[in-house]
Amino acid sequence: MVSLRTLLARPWIWSFFGALLVWLATIAFTGGYGGGGMITAALSLAVFTVIVGVGQMFVITLGPGNVDLSLPANIGLASAVAMKVVDGNEAMIAVGLLAALACGMAIGAVNYLLIWALRIPPIIATLSASFVIQSVDISYGRGLQIKPPPGFADFTNWQVFGIPVLAILTVLFTIGAGIVLQRMIYGRSVLAIGQNIRAAWLAGVNVGRTRFLTYTLSGALGGLDGALLAGYFRGANVDIGNEYLLASIAVVVIGGTSVAGGKANVPGVWGAALFLVLLLTMLNTFGVSVGVRLVLTGLIIVGVITAAGGQKALR
């Protein structure tokens, strides 16, 4: 009983519980048809949200106002860069992935330099940067019809016993992210800055370097996501990352990370990503329109923030 109460007290468990309820509601509607396939599809699609969600989580953990709104444009440009570098050649896959990572890191670094040099809020800096990136992407990727090499496309869709290999690798990645956050100096610095930036600075934390690394990390993960999405969907696209602006923030909030900073929740990102993908599947099964889906997602985010604020007030 005590262990169950302890488990239920963990914020991340509720995102998984929500995903389970949505899955059960969907298979009940379909009469039990396609339940296993739905889980496989959810894992395949949740991977891409988890990758950018972890980057967004680190940024948001830095404290109020910190958010990366350049991720959709970053993903679109990185997908084009990766496919153009690879150019359908199996031998260039690793180089293409590195190019996408480098592209994302450069975008993340520029984001922070805008924040630091111009002293403007991160939300304005990253949003402004996204417009520039989109312009570059449109110019660079216009008419780009290069498909990924078959080996890379097959890898992004590869499954073992119905479990996507990319999902397994992403689970390992998120475990590593959790270790970095809780056990390494960099991760503890991110948490300290989010809790109280002045106290962290007085304690000897290099605030500027930590923030720079965090925005660069978010950019790098956006770049990697772009390359993987291009492989999964068989080609680059300017709009390939559009849905990940709302999704990357939603999985952070729903997953239990505090929007006030200083408190992150890595397992919750997975639970929230699965919840959102399964929610989309359920709404599509029910024939709900795209507009209603977006409204519902927004209401869920508001509800979670409100509940979290209420719990904080009670304490």
C-alpha atoms as a PDB file:
ATOM      1  CA  MET A   1       0.000   0.000   0.000  1.00  0.00           C
ATOM      2  CA  VAL A   2       2.814   2.365   0.942  1.00  0.00           C
ATOM      3  CA  SER A   3       4.753   1.523  -2.227  1.00  0.00           C
ATOM      4  CA  LEU A   4       1.626   2.139  -4.344  1.00  0.00           C
ATOM      5  CA  ARG A   5       1.103   5.492  -2.641  1.00  0.00           C
ATOM      6  CA  THR A   6       4.742   6.382  -3.254  1.00  0.00           C
ATOM      7  CA  LEU A   7       4.413   5.439  -6.918  1.00  0.00           C
ATOM      8  CA  LEU A   8       1.245   7.496  -7.372  1.00  0.00           C
ATOM      9  CA  ALA A   9       3.008  10.486  -5.799  1.00  0.00           C
ATOM     10  CA  ARG A  10       5.480  10.554  -8.675  1.00  0.00           C
ATOM     11  CA  PRO A  11       4.319  13.074 -11.330  1.00  0.00           C
ATOM     12  CA  TRP A  12       5.427  10.974 -14.300  1.00  0.00           C
ATOM     13  CA  ILE A  13       3.134   8.040 -13.475  1.00  0.00           C
ATOM     14  CA  TRP A  14       0.020  10.054 -14.343  1.00  0.00           C
ATOM     15  CA  SER A  15       1.129  10.646 -17.934  1.00  0.00           C
ATOM     16  CA  PHE A  16       1.498   6.878 -18.416  1.00  0.00           C
ATOM     17  CA  PHE A  17      -1.850   6.331 -16.701  1.00  0.00           C
ATOM     18  CA  GLY A  18      -3.453   8.816 -19.104  1.00  0.00           C
ATOM     19  CA  ALA A  19      -1.871   7.040 -22.085  1.00  0.00           C
ATOM     20  CA  LEU A  20      -3.244   3.711 -20.831  1.00  0.00           C
ATOM     21  CA  LEU A  21      -6.769   5.129 -20.457  1.00  0.00           C
ATOM     22  CA  VAL A  22      -6.709   6.597 -23.969  1.00  0.00           C
ATOM     23  CA  TRP A  23      -5.469   3.302 -25.413  1.00  0.00           C
ATOM     24  CA  LEU A  24      -8.202   1.346 -23.600  1.00  0.00           C
ATOM     25  CA  ALA A  25     -10.870   3.795 -24.792  1.00  0.00           C
ATOM     26  CA  THR A  26      -9.685   3.430 -28.393  1.00  0.00           C
ATOM     27  CA  ILE A  27      -9.600  -0.364 -28.452  1.00  0.00           C
ATOM     28  CA  ALA A  28     -13.003  -0.414 -26.738  1.00  0.00           C
ATOM     29  CA  PHE A  29     -14.354   1.742 -29.576  1.00  0.00           C
ATOM     30  CA  THR A  30     -12.799  -0.542 -32.218  1.00  0.00           C
ATOM     31  CA  GLY A  31     -13.949  -3.705 -30.465  1.00  0.00           C
ATOM     32  CA  GLY A  32     -10.408  -4.723 -29.513  1.00  0.00           C
ATOM     33  CA  TYR A  33      -9.111  -4.572 -33.067  1.00  0.00           C
ATOM     34  CA  GLY A  34      -5.541  -3.342 -33.652  1.00  0.00           C
ATOM     35  CA  GLY A  35      -4.515  -2.815 -30.028  1.00  0.00           C
ATOM     36  CA  GLY A  36      -0.991  -4.183 -30.466  1.00  0.00           C
ATOM     37  CA  GLY A  37      -0.425  -2.338 -33.716  1.00  0.00           C
ATOM     38  CA  MET A  38      -1.548   0.860 -32.039  1.00  0.00           C
ATOM     39  CA  ILE A  39       1.138   0.484 -29.363  1.00  0.00           C
ATOM     40  CA  THR A  40       3.813  -0.158 -31.991  1.00  0.00           C
ATOM     41  CA  ALA A  41       2.735   2.876 -34.001  1.00  0.00           C
ATOM     42  CA  ALA A  42       2.597   5.017 -30.851  1.00  0.00           C
ATOM     43  CA  LEU A  43       6.140   4.022 -29.896  1.00  0.00           C
ATOM     44  CA  SER A  44       7.380   4.752 -33.423  1.00  0.00           C
ATOM     45  CA  LEU A  45       5.896   8.254 -33.496  1.00  0.00           C
ATOM     46  CA  ALA A  46       6.533   9.123 -29.833  1.00  0.00           C
ATOM     47  CA  VAL A  47      10.288   8.747 -30.371  1.00  0.00           C
ATOM     48  CA  PHE A  48      10.501  11.986 -32.352  1.00  0.00           C
ATOM     49  CA  THR A  49       8.551  13.939 -29.743  1.00  0.00           C
ATOM     50  CA  VAL A  50      10.659  12.505 -26.921  1.00  0.00           C
ATOM     51  CA  ILE A  51      13.948  13.524 -28.559  1.00  0.00           C
ATOM     52  CA  VAL A  52      12.975  17.192 -28.956  1.00  0.00           C
ATOM     53  CA  GLY A  53      11.023  17.043 -25.688  1.00  0.00           C
ATOM     54  CA  VAL A  54      14.171  16.205 -23.725  1.00  0.00           C
ATOM     55  CA  GLY A  55      15.960  19.193 -25.255  1.00  0.00           C
ATOM     56  CA  GLN A  56      13.002  21.459 -24.491  1.00  0.00           C
ATOM     57  CA  MET A  57      12.868  20.041 -20.948  1.00  0.00           C
ATOM     58  CA  PHE A  58      16.459  21.080 -20.248  1.00  0.00           C
ATOM     59  CA  VAL A  59      15.742  24.590 -21.565  1.00  0.00           C
ATOM     60  CA  ILE A  60      12.524  25.033 -19.582  1.00  0.00           C
ATOM     61  CA  THR A  61      14.249  23.724 -16.440  1.00  0.00           C
ATOM     62  CA  LEU A  62      16.568  26.760 -16.612  1.00  0.00           C
ATOM     63  CA  GLY A  63      13.722  28.860 -15.212  1.00  0.00           C
ATOM     64  CA  PRO A  64      10.776  31.092 -16.163  1.00  0.00           C
ATOM     65  CA  GLY A  65      10.877  32.488 -19.693  1.00  0.00           C
ATOM     66  CA  ASN A  66      13.300  29.923 -21.055  1.00  0.00           C
ATOM     67  CA  VAL A  67      11.866  28.093 -24.047  1.00  0.00           C
ATOM     68  CA  ASP A  68      13.100  27.114 -27.507  1.00  0.00           C
ATOM     69  CA  LEU A  69      10.562  28.164 -30.158  1.00  0.00           C
ATOM     70  CA  SER A  70      12.994  27.604 -33.033  1.00  0.00           C
ATOM     71  CA  LEU A  71      12.678  23.793 -32.921  1.00  0.00           C
ATOM     72  CA  PRO A  72      10.188  23.368 -35.813  1.00  0.00           C
ATOM     73  CA  ALA A  73      12.302  25.487 -38.180  1.00  0.00           C
ATOM     74  CA  ASN A  74      15.442  23.778 -36.891  1.00  0.00           C
ATOM     75  CA  ILE A  75      13.990  20.334 -37.632  1.00  0.00           C
ATOM     76  CA  GLY A  76      12.942  21.357 -41.139  1.00  0.00           C
ATOM     77  CA  LEU A  77      16.340  22.801 -42.062  1.00  0.00           C
ATOM     78  CA  ALA A  78      18.289  19.904 -40.521  1.00  0.00           C
ATOM     79  CA  SER A  79      16.197  17.383 -42.448  1.00  0.00           C
ATOM     80  CA  ALA A  80      17.081  19.144 -45.711  1.00  0.00           C
ATOM     81  CA  VAL A  81      20.766  19.406 -44.780  1.00  0.00           C
ATOM     82  CA  ALA A  82      20.954  15.724 -43.850  1.00  0.00           C
ATOM     83  CA  MET A  83      19.286  14.524 -47.040  1.00  0.00           C
ATOM     84  CA  LYS A  84      21.372  16.815 -49.250  1.00  0.00           C
ATOM     85  CA  VAL A  85      24.629  15.672 -47.630  1.00  0.00           C
ATOM     86  CA  VAL A  86      23.677  11.985 -47.814  1.00  0.00           C
ATOM     87  CA  ASP A  87      22.338  12.393 -51.379  1.00  0.00           C
ATOM     88  CA  GLY A  88      20.996   8.836 -51.421  1.00  0.00           C
ATOM     89  CA  ASN A  89      24.418   7.326 -50.665  1.00  0.00           C
ATOM     90  CA  GLU A  90      24.482   4.642 -47.936  1.00  0.00           C
ATOM     91  CA  ALA A  91      28.138   5.412 -47.176  1.00  0.00           C
ATOM     92  CA  MET A  92      27.245   9.033 -46.299  1.00  0.00           C
ATOM     93  CA  ILE A  93      24.599   8.297 -43.668  1.00  0.00           C
ATOM     94  CA  ALA A  94      26.904   8.978 -40.702  1.00  0.00           C
ATOM     95  CA  VAL A  95      28.155  12.180 -42.325  1.00  0.00           C
ATOM     96  CA  GLY A  96      24.576  13.300 -42.949  1.00  0.00           C
ATOM     97  CA  LEU A  97      23.649  12.704 -39.297  1.00  0.00           C
ATOM     98  CA  LEU A  98      26.703  14.675 -38.170  1.00  0.00           C
ATOM     99  CA  ALA A  99      25.767  17.485 -40.549  1.00  0.00           C
ATOM    100  CA  ALA A 100      22.248  17.603 -39.079  1.00  0.00           C
ATOM    101  CA  LEU A 101      23.670  17.659 -35.547  1.00  0.00           C
ATOM    102  CA  ALA A 102      26.105  20.436 -36.480  1.00  0.00           C
ATOM    103  CA  CYS A 103      23.285  22.436 -38.085  1.00  0.00           C
ATOM    104  CA  GLY A 104      21.143  22.089 -34.961  1.00  0.00           C
ATOM    105  CA  MET A 105      24.029  22.954 -32.630  1.00  0.00           C
ATOM    106  CA  ALA A 106      24.770  26.092 -34.642  1.00  0.00           C
ATOM    107  CA  ILE A 107      21.130  27.159 -34.395  1.00  0.00           C
ATOM    108  CA  GLY A 108      21.085  26.523 -30.640  1.00  0.00           C
ATOM    109  CA  ALA A 109      24.318  28.472 -30.157  1.00  0.00           C
ATOM    110  CA  VAL A 110      22.978  31.412 -32.171  1.00  0.00           C
ATOM    111  CA  ASN A 111      19.775  31.351 -30.109  1.00  0.00           C
ATOM    112  CA  TYR A 112      21.730  31.821 -26.915  1.00  0.00           C
ATOM    113  CA  LEU A 113      24.023  34.447 -28.423  1.00  0.00           C
ATOM    114  CA  LEU A 114      20.932  36.465 -29.351  1.00  0.00           C
ATOM    115  CA  ILE A 115      19.668  36.158 -25.775  1.00  0.00           C
ATOM    116  CA  TRP A 116      23.044  37.050 -24.276  1.00  0.00           C
ATOM    117  CA  ALA A 117      24.190  39.787 -26.652  1.00  0.00           C
ATOM    118  CA  LEU A 118      20.883  41.586 -27.187  1.00  0.00           C
ATOM    119  CA  ARG A 119      19.501  40.964 -23.692  1.00  0.00           C
ATOM    120  CA  ILE A 120      16.115  39.966 -25.075  1.00  0.00           C
ATOM    121  CA  PRO A 121      13.799  37.300 -23.605  1.00  0.00           C
ATOM    122  CA  PRO A 122      14.430  33.752 -24.895  1.00  0.00           C
ATOM    123  CA  ILE A 123      10.876  33.480 -26.234  1.00  0.00           C
ATOM    124  CA  ILE A 124      11.492  36.507 -28.498  1.00  0.00           C
ATOM    125  CA  ALA A 125      15.029  35.488 -29.479  1.00  0.00           C
ATOM    126  CA  THR A 126      14.143  31.924 -30.461  1.00  0.00           C
ATOM    127  CA  LEU A 127      10.947  32.987 -32.239  1.00  0.00           C
ATOM    128  CA  SER A 128      12.848  35.597 -34.242  1.00  0.00           C
ATOM    129  CA  ALA A 129      15.538  33.059 -35.063  1.00  0.00           C
ATOM    130  CA  SER A 130      12.880  30.628 -36.300  1.00  0.00           C
ATOM    131  CA  PHE A 131      11.739  33.109 -38.955  1.00  0.00           C
ATOM    132  CA  VAL A 132      15.302  33.467 -40.240  1.00  0.00           C
ATOM    133  CA  ILE A 133      15.808  29.695 -40.197  1.00  0.00           C
ATOM    134  CA  GLN A 134      12.556  29.147 -42.082  1.00  0.00           C
ATOM    135  CA  SER A 135      13.691  31.595 -44.758  1.00  0.00           C
ATOM    136  CA  VAL A 136      16.984  29.754 -45.113  1.00  0.00           C
ATOM    137  CA  ASP A 137      15.149  26.426 -45.183  1.00  0.00           C
ATOM    138  CA  ILE A 138      12.761  27.584 -47.908  1.00  0.00           C
ATOM    139  CA  SER A 139      15.671  28.803 -50.009  1.00  0.00           C
ATOM    140  CA  TYR A 140      17.873  25.776 -49.313  1.00  0.00           C
ATOM    141  CA  GLY A 141      15.248  23.055 -49.391  1.00  0.00           C
ATOM    142  CA  ARG A 142      12.871  24.352 -52.054  1.00  0.00           C
ATOM    143  CA  GLY A 143      12.192  21.613 -54.581  1.00  0.00           C
ATOM    144  CA  LEU A 144      14.409  19.149 -52.694  1.00  0.00           C
ATOM    145  CA  GLN A 145      13.291  15.686 -53.781  1.00  0.00           C
ATOM    146  CA  ILE A 146      16.181  13.640 -52.400  1.00  0.00           C
ATOM    147  CA  LYS A 147      15.024  10.450 -50.717  1.00  0.00           C
ATOM    148  CA  PRO A 148      16.992   8.797 -47.914  1.00  0.00           C
ATOM    149  CA  PRO A 149      19.056   5.701 -48.691  1.00  0.00           C
ATOM    150  CA  PRO A 150      16.976   2.520 -48.286  1.00  0.00           C
ATOM    151  CA  GLY A 151      19.183   1.361 -45.419  1.00  0.00           C
ATOM    152  CA  PHE A 152      18.568   4.549 -43.415  1.00  0.00           C
ATOM    153  CA  ALA A 153      14.829   4.530 -44.127  1.00  0.00           C
ATOM    154  CA  ASP A 154      14.640   0.871 -43.098  1.00  0.00           C
ATOM    155  CA  PHE A 155      16.564   1.589 -39.887  1.00  0.00           C
ATOM    156  CA  THR A 156      14.113   4.293 -38.763  1.00  0.00           C
ATOM    157  CA  ASN A 157      11.263   1.784 -39.294  1.00  0.00           C
ATOM    158  CA  TRP A 158      13.063  -1.352 -38.055  1.00  0.00           C
ATOM    159  CA  GLN A 159      11.256  -3.424 -35.415  1.00  0.00           C
ATOM    160  CA  VAL A 160      12.251  -6.303 -33.172  1.00  0.00           C
ATOM    161  CA  PHE A 161       9.325  -8.387 -31.871  1.00  0.00           C
ATOM    162  CA  GLY A 162       6.996  -5.487 -32.668  1.00  0.00           C
ATOM    163  CA  ILE A 163       9.117  -2.941 -30.780  1.00  0.00           C
ATOM    164  CA  PRO A 164      10.743  -0.181 -32.880  1.00  0.00           C
ATOM    165  CA  VAL A 165      14.530  -0.261 -32.557  1.00  0.00           C
ATOM    166  CA  LEU A 166      14.547   3.540 -32.596  1.00  0.00           C
ATOM    167  CA  ALA A 167      12.295   3.485 -29.517  1.00  0.00           C
ATOM    168  CA  ILE A 168      14.724   1.180 -27.701  1.00  0.00           C
ATOM    169  CA  LEU A 169      17.643   3.471 -28.529  1.00  0.00           C
ATOM    170  CA  THR A 170      15.623   6.501 -27.421  1.00  0.00           C
ATOM    171  CA  VAL A 171      14.834   4.834 -24.090  1.00  0.00           C
ATOM    172  CA  LEU A 172      18.577   4.357 -23.554  1.00  0.00           C
ATOM    173  CA  PHE A 173      19.120   7.989 -24.513  1.00  0.00           C
ATOM    174  CA  THR A 174      16.530   9.214 -21.999  1.00  0.00           C
ATOM    175  CA  ILE A 175      18.101   7.082 -19.270  1.00  0.00           C
ATOM    176  CA  GLY A 176      21.389   8.795 -20.073  1.00  0.00           C
ATOM    177  CA  ALA A 177      19.660  12.198 -19.979  1.00  0.00           C
ATOM    178  CA  GLY A 178      18.280  11.382 -16.531  1.00  0.00           C
ATOM    179  CA  ILE A 179      21.748  10.435 -15.291  1.00  0.00           C
ATOM    180  CA  VAL A 180      23.196  13.664 -16.695  1.00  0.00           C
ATOM    181  CA  LEU A 181      20.455  15.699 -15.035  1.00  0.00           C
ATOM    182  CA  GLN A 182      20.688  14.120 -11.587  1.00  0.00           C
ATOM    183  CA  ARG A 183      24.282  12.899 -11.309  1.00  0.00           C
ATOM    184  CA  MET A 184      26.529  15.177 -13.363  1.00  0.00           C
ATOM    185  CA  ILE A 185      27.730  18.701 -12.676  1.00  0.00           C
ATOM    186  CA  TYR A 186      26.115  20.097 -15.804  1.00  0.00           C
ATOM    187  CA  GLY A 187      22.684  18.678 -14.978  1.00  0.00           C
ATOM    188  CA  ARG A 188      22.825  19.795 -11.354  1.00  0.00           C
ATOM    189  CA  SER A 189      23.837  23.254 -12.578  1.00  0.00           C
ATOM    190  CA  VAL A 190      20.751  23.409 -14.814  1.00  0.00           C
ATOM    191  CA  LEU A 191      18.533  22.510 -11.843  1.00  0.00           C
ATOM    192  CA  ALA A 192      20.280  25.037  -9.586  1.00  0.00           C
ATOM    193  CA  ILE A 193      19.862  27.858 -12.111  1.00  0.00           C
ATOM    194  CA  GLY A 194      16.182  27.036 -12.484  1.00  0.00           C
ATOM    195  CA  GLN A 195      15.648  27.096  -8.729  1.00  0.00           C
ATOM    196  CA  ASN A 196      17.424  30.411  -8.170  1.00  0.00           C
ATOM    197  CA  ILE A 197      19.750  31.888 -10.753  1.00  0.00           C
ATOM    198  CA  ARG A 198      21.401  34.352  -8.370  1.00  0.00           C
ATOM    199  CA  ALA A 199      21.982  31.722  -5.691  1.00  0.00           C
ATOM    200  CA  ALA A 200      23.472  29.418  -8.339  1.00  0.00           C
ATOM    201  CA  TRP A 201      25.830  32.183  -9.476  1.00  0.00           C
ATOM    202  CA  LEU A 202      26.878  32.928  -5.878  1.00  0.00           C
ATOM    203  CA  ALA A 203      27.511  29.197  -5.385  1.00  0.00           C
ATOM    204  CA  GLY A 204      30.010  29.218  -8.235  1.00  0.00           C
ATOM    205  CA  VAL A 205      27.878  27.885 -11.078  1.00  0.00           C
ATOM    206  CA  ASN A 206      28.948  29.229 -14.470  1.00  0.00           C
ATOM    207  CA  VAL A 207      25.478  30.425 -15.429  1.00  0.00           C
ATOM    208  CA  GLY A 208      26.361  31.721 -18.889  1.00  0.00           C
ATOM    209  CA  ARG A 209      28.184  28.563 -19.965  1.00  0.00           C
ATOM    210  CA  THR A 210      25.435  26.290 -18.635  1.00  0.00           C
ATOM    211  CA  ARG A 211      22.716  28.205 -20.466  1.00  0.00           C
ATOM    212  CA  PHE A 212      24.794  28.218 -23.652  1.00  0.00           C
ATOM    213  CA  LEU A 213      25.293  24.454 -23.448  1.00  0.00           C
ATOM    214  CA  THR A 214      21.584  23.917 -22.792  1.00  0.00           C
ATOM    215  CA  TYR A 215      20.381  25.899 -25.804  1.00  0.00           C
ATOM    216  CA  THR A 216      23.035  24.203 -27.930  1.00  0.00           C
ATOM    217  CA  LEU A 217      21.877  20.794 -26.676  1.00  0.00           C
ATOM    218  CA  SER A 218      18.277  21.614 -27.553  1.00  0.00           C
ATOM    219  CA  GLY A 219      19.374  22.704 -31.017  1.00  0.00           C
ATOM    220  CA  ALA A 220      21.427  19.542 -31.520  1.00  0.00           C
ATOM    221  CA  LEU A 221      18.503  17.303 -30.588  1.00  0.00           C
ATOM    222  CA  GLY A 222      16.275  19.249 -32.965  1.00  0.00           C
ATOM    223  CA  GLY A 223      18.811  18.674 -35.739  1.00  0.00           C
ATOM    224  CA  LEU A 224      19.024  14.949 -34.992  1.00  0.00           C
ATOM    225  CA  ASP A 225      15.243  14.746 -34.958  1.00  0.00           C
ATOM    226  CA  GLY A 226      15.101  16.367 -38.383  1.00  0.00           C
ATOM    227  CA  ALA A 227      17.434  13.770 -39.886  1.00  0.00           C
ATOM    228  CA  LEU A 228      15.523  10.862 -38.325  1.00  0.00           C
ATOM    229  CA  LEU A 229      12.165  12.249 -39.445  1.00  0.00           C
ATOM    230  CA  ALA A 230      13.477  12.566 -43.002  1.00  0.00           C
ATOM    231  CA  GLY A 231      14.391   8.886 -42.880  1.00  0.00           C
ATOM    232  CA  TYR A 232      11.103   7.808 -41.344  1.00  0.00           C
ATOM    233  CA  PHE A 233       8.920   9.787 -43.754  1.00  0.00           C
ATOM    234  CA  ARG A 234      11.147   9.039 -46.746  1.00  0.00           C
ATOM    235  CA  GLY A 235      12.349  12.564 -47.448  1.00  0.00           C
ATOM    236  CA  ALA A 236      12.952  16.102 -46.174  1.00  0.00           C
ATOM    237  CA  ASN A 237      10.200  18.687 -45.953  1.00  0.00           C
ATOM    238  CA  VAL A 238      10.136  22.350 -44.943  1.00  0.00           C
ATOM    239  CA  ASP A 239       7.083  21.711 -42.749  1.00  0.00           C
ATOM    240  CA  ILE A 240       8.232  18.392 -41.291  1.00  0.00           C
ATOM    241  CA  GLY A 241       8.798  19.867 -37.827  1.00  0.00           C
ATOM    242  CA  ASN A 242       5.728  22.104 -37.544  1.00  0.00           C
ATOM    243  CA  GLU A 243       3.809  19.928 -35.087  1.00  0.00           C
ATOM    244  CA  TYR A 244       6.736  19.747 -32.662  1.00  0.00           C
ATOM    245  CA  LEU A 245       6.435  23.307 -31.368  1.00  0.00           C
ATOM    246  CA  LEU A 246       3.317  22.560 -29.344  1.00  0.00           C
ATOM    247  CA  ALA A 247       4.232  18.904 -28.824  1.00  0.00           C
ATOM    248  CA  SER A 248       7.717  19.593 -27.394  1.00  0.00           C
ATOM    249  CA  ILE A 249       6.274  21.974 -24.810  1.00  0.00           C
ATOM    250  CA  ALA A 250       3.243  19.796 -24.101  1.00  0.00           C
ATOM    251  CA  VAL A 251       5.261  16.674 -23.237  1.00  0.00           C
ATOM    252  CA  VAL A 252       7.429  18.691 -20.860  1.00  0.00           C
ATOM    253  CA  VAL A 253       4.467  20.180 -19.016  1.00  0.00           C
ATOM    254  CA  ILE A 254       2.241  17.098 -19.020  1.00  0.00           C
ATOM    255  CA  GLY A 255       5.244  14.964 -18.056  1.00  0.00           C
ATOM    256  CA  GLY A 256       5.682  16.767 -14.738  1.00  0.00           C
ATOM    257  CA  THR A 257       8.495  19.243 -15.399  1.00  0.00           C
ATOM    258  CA  SER A 258       7.890  22.552 -13.639  1.00  0.00           C
ATOM    259  CA  VAL A 259       7.362  25.536 -15.954  1.00  0.00           C
ATOM    260  CA  ALA A 260       8.787  27.637 -13.129  1.00  0.00           C
ATOM    261  CA  GLY A 261      12.137  25.872 -13.573  1.00  0.00           C
ATOM    262  CA  GLY A 262      14.390  23.908 -11.270  1.00  0.00           C
ATOM    263  CA  LYS A 263      12.462  20.648 -11.503  1.00  0.00           C
ATOM    264  CA  ALA A 264      12.670  18.240 -14.438  1.00  0.00           C
ATOM    265  CA  ASN A 265      11.060  14.880 -15.091  1.00  0.00           C
ATOM    266  CA  VAL A 266      12.615  12.655 -17.750  1.00  0.00           C
ATOM    267  CA  PRO A 267      10.288   9.592 -17.505  1.00  0.00           C
ATOM    268  CA  GLY A 268       7.294  11.907 -17.788  1.00  0.00           C
ATOM    269  CA  VAL A 269       8.412  13.020 -21.251  1.00  0.00           C
ATOM    270  CA  TRP A 270       7.932   9.440 -22.489  1.00  0.00           C
ATOM    271  CA  GLY A 271       4.561   9.067 -20.789  1.00  0.00           C
ATOM    272  CA  ALA A 272       3.315  12.398 -22.135  1.00  0.00           C
ATOM    273  CA  ALA A 273       4.564  11.641 -25.667  1.00  0.00           C
ATOM    274  CA  LEU A 274       2.733   8.311 -25.693  1.00  0.00           C
ATOM    275  CA  PHE A 275      -0.347  10.009 -24.266  1.00  0.00           C
ATOM    276  CA  LEU A 276      -0.396  12.667 -27.017  1.00  0.00           C
ATOM    277  CA  VAL A 277       0.190  10.154 -29.834  1.00  0.00           C
ATOM    278  CA  LEU A 278      -2.505   7.813 -28.513  1.00  0.00           C
ATOM    279  CA  LEU A 279      -4.836  10.772 -27.968  1.00  0.00           C
ATOM    280  CA  LEU A 280      -4.336  11.746 -31.613  1.00  0.00           C
ATOM    281  CA  THR A 281      -5.039   8.144 -32.641  1.00  0.00           C
ATOM    282  CA  MET A 282      -8.201   8.073 -30.544  1.00  0.00           C
ATOM    283  CA  LEU A 283      -9.482  11.384 -31.921  1.00  0.00           C
ATOM    284  CA  ASN A 284      -8.770  10.262 -35.474  1.00  0.00           C
ATOM    285  CA  THR A 285     -10.617   7.011 -34.774  1.00  0.00           C
ATOM    286  CA  PHE A 286     -13.558   9.024 -33.461  1.00  0.00           C
ATOM    287  CA  GLY A 287     -13.431  11.271 -36.546  1.00  0.00           C
ATOM    288  CA  VAL A 288     -12.587  14.467 -34.621  1.00  0.00           C
ATOM    289  CA  SER A 289     -11.267  17.394 -36.686  1.00  0.00           C
ATOM    290  CA  VAL A 290      -7.729  18.824 -36.474  1.00  0.00           C
ATOM    291  CA  GLY A 291      -8.993  22.066 -34.937  1.00  0.00           C
ATOM    292  CA  VAL A 292     -10.732  20.270 -32.073  1.00  0.00           C
ATOM    293  CA  ARG A 293      -7.611  18.176 -31.498  1.00  0.00           C
ATOM    294  CA  LEU A 294      -5.451  21.287 -31.104  1.00  0.00           C
ATOM    295  CA  VAL A 295      -7.973  22.915 -28.777  1.00  0.00           C
ATOM    296  CA  LEU A 296      -8.110  19.775 -26.657  1.00  0.00           C
ATOM    297  CA  THR A 297      -4.308  19.583 -26.434  1.00  0.00           C
ATOM    298  CA  GLY A 298      -4.160  23.222 -25.347  1.00  0.00           C
ATOM    299  CA  LEU A 299      -6.819  22.652 -22.702  1.00  0.00           C
ATOM    300  CA  ILE A 300      -4.901  19.658 -21.373  1.00  0.00           C
ATOM    301  CA  ILE A 301      -1.742  21.768 -21.006  1.00  0.00           C
ATOM    302  CA  VAL A 302      -3.670  24.543 -19.222  1.00  0.00           C
ATOM    303  CA  GLY A 303      -5.295  21.981 -16.944  1.00  0.00           C
ATOM    304  CA  VAL A 304      -1.958  20.397 -16.009  1.00  0.00           C
ATOM    305  CA  ILE A 305      -0.356  23.785 -15.284  1.00  0.00           C
ATOM    306  CA  THR A 306      -3.363  24.798 -13.200  1.00  0.00           C
ATOM    307  CA  ALA A 307      -3.286  21.547 -11.220  1.00  0.00           C
ATOM    308  CA  ALA A 308       0.455  21.890 -10.626  1.00  0.00           C
ATOM    309  CA  GLY A 309      -0.007  25.470  -9.463  1.00  0.00           C
ATOM    310  CA  GLY A 310      -2.823  24.429  -7.161  1.00  0.00           C
ATOM    311  CA  GLN A 311      -0.708  21.725  -5.570  1.00  0.00           C
ATOM    312  CA  LYS A 312       2.119  24.222  -5.035  1.00  0.00           C
ATOM    313  CA  ALA A 313      -0.266  26.689  -3.429  1.00  0.00           C
ATOM    314  CA  LEU A 314      -1.553  24.019  -1.049  1.00  0.00           C
ATOM    315  CA  ARG A 315       1.971  23.384   0.120  1.00  0.00           C
END
